């Protein structure tokens, strides 16, 4: 039985908020990463999603403008984005400004 699961492949890099426990961190995801939405957009236009099994929050507008919808039809296991979710370190100037 085929199951349809909506997912989005990034066509350009986007900034997302990554949740790790109670901490939140701003990270950049590369083009080619796959996001699986888990909620509708909230009042601020943010969508909860997962990338590589990691909970993230992304702007709906970024998803609309910088991704294409993909629909795996075989099974949900085809949506596992493990190797495609690459995090890019922030620019050097940003790290220096934060003292890191």
C-alpha atoms as a PDB file:
ATOM      1  CA  UNK A   1       0.000   0.000   0.000  1.00  0.00           C
ATOM      2  CA  UNK A   2       1.447   3.384  -1.025  1.00  0.00           C
ATOM      3  CA  UNK A   3       1.559   6.150   1.522  1.00  0.00           C
ATOM      4  CA  UNK A   4       1.939   9.787   0.493  1.00  0.00           C
ATOM      5  CA  UNK A   5       4.008  11.988   2.798  1.00  0.00           C
ATOM      6  CA  UNK A   6       4.610  15.646   1.924  1.00  0.00           C
ATOM      7  CA  UNK A   7       8.189  16.819   2.264  1.00  0.00           C
ATOM      8  CA  UNK A   8      10.235  19.714   0.917  1.00  0.00           C
ATOM      9  CA  UNK A   9      13.694  19.657  -0.680  1.00  0.00           C
ATOM     10  CA  UNK A  10      15.529  22.953  -0.227  1.00  0.00           C
ATOM     11  CA  UNK A  11      16.656  24.640  -3.448  1.00  0.00           C
ATOM     12  CA  UNK A  12      18.696  27.236  -1.560  1.00  0.00           C
ATOM     13  CA  UNK A  13      20.121  27.463   1.945  1.00  0.00           C
ATOM     14  CA  UNK A  14      17.811  28.672   4.732  1.00  0.00           C
ATOM     15  CA  UNK A  15      18.196  29.622   8.368  1.00  0.00           C
ATOM     16  CA  UNK A  16      16.269  27.486  10.847  1.00  0.00           C
ATOM     17  CA  UNK A  17      15.918  27.287  14.601  1.00  0.00           C
ATOM     18  CA  UNK A  18      17.141  23.914  15.860  1.00  0.00           C
ATOM     19  CA  UNK A  19      15.732  22.638  19.144  1.00  0.00           C
ATOM     20  CA  UNK A  20      18.005  20.515  21.312  1.00  0.00           C
ATOM     21  CA  UNK A  21      16.230  19.792  24.581  1.00  0.00           C
ATOM     22  CA  UNK A  22      15.335  23.140  26.092  1.00  0.00           C
ATOM     23  CA  UNK A  23      17.956  24.992  24.041  1.00  0.00           C
ATOM     24  CA  UNK A  24      17.405  26.646  20.683  1.00  0.00           C
ATOM     25  CA  UNK A  25      20.101  27.458  18.164  1.00  0.00           C
ATOM     26  CA  UNK A  26      20.100  29.241  14.801  1.00  0.00           C
ATOM     27  CA  UNK A  27      21.620  27.128  12.012  1.00  0.00           C
ATOM     28  CA  UNK A  28      21.841  27.214   8.245  1.00  0.00           C
ATOM     29  CA  UNK A  29      20.636  24.242   6.192  1.00  0.00           C
ATOM     30  CA  UNK A  30      22.107  23.672   2.716  1.00  0.00           C
ATOM     31  CA  UNK A  31      20.241  23.286  -0.526  1.00  0.00           C
ATOM     32  CA  UNK A  32      19.266  19.632  -0.946  1.00  0.00           C
ATOM     33  CA  UNK A  33      18.259  19.178   2.697  1.00  0.00           C
ATOM     34  CA  UNK A  34      14.818  17.658   3.173  1.00  0.00           C
ATOM     35  CA  UNK A  35      12.311  19.113   5.635  1.00  0.00           C
ATOM     36  CA  UNK A  36       9.197  17.257   6.734  1.00  0.00           C
ATOM     37  CA  UNK A  37       6.560  19.677   8.093  1.00  0.00           C
ATOM     38  CA  UNK A  38       4.902  18.708  11.348  1.00  0.00           C
ATOM     39  CA  UNK A  39       2.546  21.645  11.826  1.00  0.00           C
ATOM     40  CA  UNK A  40       0.749  24.438  10.042  1.00  0.00           C
ATOM     41  CA  UNK A  41       2.250  27.913  10.221  1.00  0.00           C
ATOM     42  CA  UNK A  42       1.703  29.721  13.506  1.00  0.00           C
ATOM     43  CA  UNK A  43       0.745  33.396  13.811  1.00  0.00           C
ATOM     44  CA  UNK A  44       4.387  34.423  13.247  1.00  0.00           C
ATOM     45  CA  UNK A  45       4.559  32.354  10.043  1.00  0.00           C
ATOM     46  CA  UNK A  46       6.795  29.662  11.551  1.00  0.00           C
ATOM     47  CA  UNK A  47       6.420  25.949  10.749  1.00  0.00           C
ATOM     48  CA  UNK A  48       7.653  23.123  12.958  1.00  0.00           C
ATOM     49  CA  UNK A  49       9.409  20.471  10.879  1.00  0.00           C
ATOM     50  CA  UNK A  50      12.061  17.789  11.098  1.00  0.00           C
ATOM     51  CA  UNK A  51      15.336  17.472   9.248  1.00  0.00           C
ATOM     52  CA  UNK A  52      17.404  14.354   9.829  1.00  0.00           C
ATOM     53  CA  UNK A  53      15.060  13.541  12.714  1.00  0.00           C
ATOM     54  CA  UNK A  54      16.028  16.829  14.392  1.00  0.00           C
ATOM     55  CA  UNK A  55      13.162  19.198  15.290  1.00  0.00           C
ATOM     56  CA  UNK A  56      13.526  22.555  13.552  1.00  0.00           C
ATOM     57  CA  UNK A  57      11.412  25.659  13.050  1.00  0.00           C
ATOM     58  CA  UNK A  58      11.453  27.427   9.686  1.00  0.00           C
ATOM     59  CA  UNK A  59       9.641  30.418   8.204  1.00  0.00           C
ATOM     60  CA  UNK A  60       6.776  29.399   5.918  1.00  0.00           C
ATOM     61  CA  UNK A  61       7.929  32.005   3.391  1.00  0.00           C
ATOM     62  CA  UNK A  62      11.400  30.424   3.202  1.00  0.00           C
ATOM     63  CA  UNK A  63       9.789  27.045   2.571  1.00  0.00           C
ATOM     64  CA  UNK A  64       7.585  28.527  -0.157  1.00  0.00           C
ATOM     65  CA  UNK A  65      10.377  30.470  -1.878  1.00  0.00           C
ATOM     66  CA  UNK A  66      13.373  28.161  -1.395  1.00  0.00           C
ATOM     67  CA  UNK A  67      12.079  24.627  -1.723  1.00  0.00           C
ATOM     68  CA  UNK A  68      10.143  22.255  -3.926  1.00  0.00           C
ATOM     69  CA  UNK A  69       7.555  19.855  -2.619  1.00  0.00           C
ATOM     70  CA  UNK A  70       8.390  16.201  -3.014  1.00  0.00           C
ATOM     71  CA  UNK A  71       6.018  13.315  -2.402  1.00  0.00           C
ATOM     72  CA  UNK A  72       7.532   9.877  -1.877  1.00  0.00           C
ATOM     73  CA  UNK A  73       4.878   7.312  -2.758  1.00  0.00           C
ATOM     74  CA  UNK A  74       6.425   4.014  -1.707  1.00  0.00           C
ATOM     75  CA  UNK A  75       6.562   4.395   2.075  1.00  0.00           C
ATOM     76  CA  UNK A  76       7.395   6.918   4.776  1.00  0.00           C
ATOM     77  CA  UNK A  77      10.826   5.300   5.163  1.00  0.00           C
ATOM     78  CA  UNK A  78      11.847   6.865   1.848  1.00  0.00           C
ATOM     79  CA  UNK A  79      11.643  10.291   3.439  1.00  0.00           C
ATOM     80  CA  UNK A  80      14.544   9.668   5.833  1.00  0.00           C
ATOM     81  CA  UNK A  81      16.749  12.694   5.136  1.00  0.00           C
ATOM     82  CA  UNK A  82      19.738  11.558   7.209  1.00  0.00           C
ATOM     83  CA  UNK A  83      22.605  12.189   4.792  1.00  0.00           C
ATOM     84  CA  UNK A  84      21.151  15.278   3.116  1.00  0.00           C
ATOM     85  CA  UNK A  85      20.739  17.607   6.068  1.00  0.00           C
ATOM     86  CA  UNK A  86      24.037  19.454   6.210  1.00  0.00           C
ATOM     87  CA  UNK A  87      24.593  22.195   8.703  1.00  0.00           C
ATOM     88  CA  UNK A  88      26.805  25.100   7.701  1.00  0.00           C
ATOM     89  CA  UNK A  89      28.723  27.029  10.353  1.00  0.00           C
ATOM     90  CA  UNK A  90      27.733  30.685  10.638  1.00  0.00           C
ATOM     91  CA  UNK A  91      29.920  33.246   8.841  1.00  0.00           C
ATOM     92  CA  UNK A  92      33.186  34.153  10.564  1.00  0.00           C
ATOM     93  CA  UNK A  93      32.072  37.746  11.210  1.00  0.00           C
ATOM     94  CA  UNK A  94      28.965  36.500  13.023  1.00  0.00           C
ATOM     95  CA  UNK A  95      31.024  34.110  15.179  1.00  0.00           C
ATOM     96  CA  UNK A  96      33.572  36.837  16.019  1.00  0.00           C
ATOM     97  CA  UNK A  97      30.787  39.222  17.004  1.00  0.00           C
ATOM     98  CA  UNK A  98      29.494  36.588  19.439  1.00  0.00           C
ATOM     99  CA  UNK A  99      33.018  35.977  20.777  1.00  0.00           C
ATOM    100  CA  UNK A 100      33.350  32.391  19.457  1.00  0.00           C
END
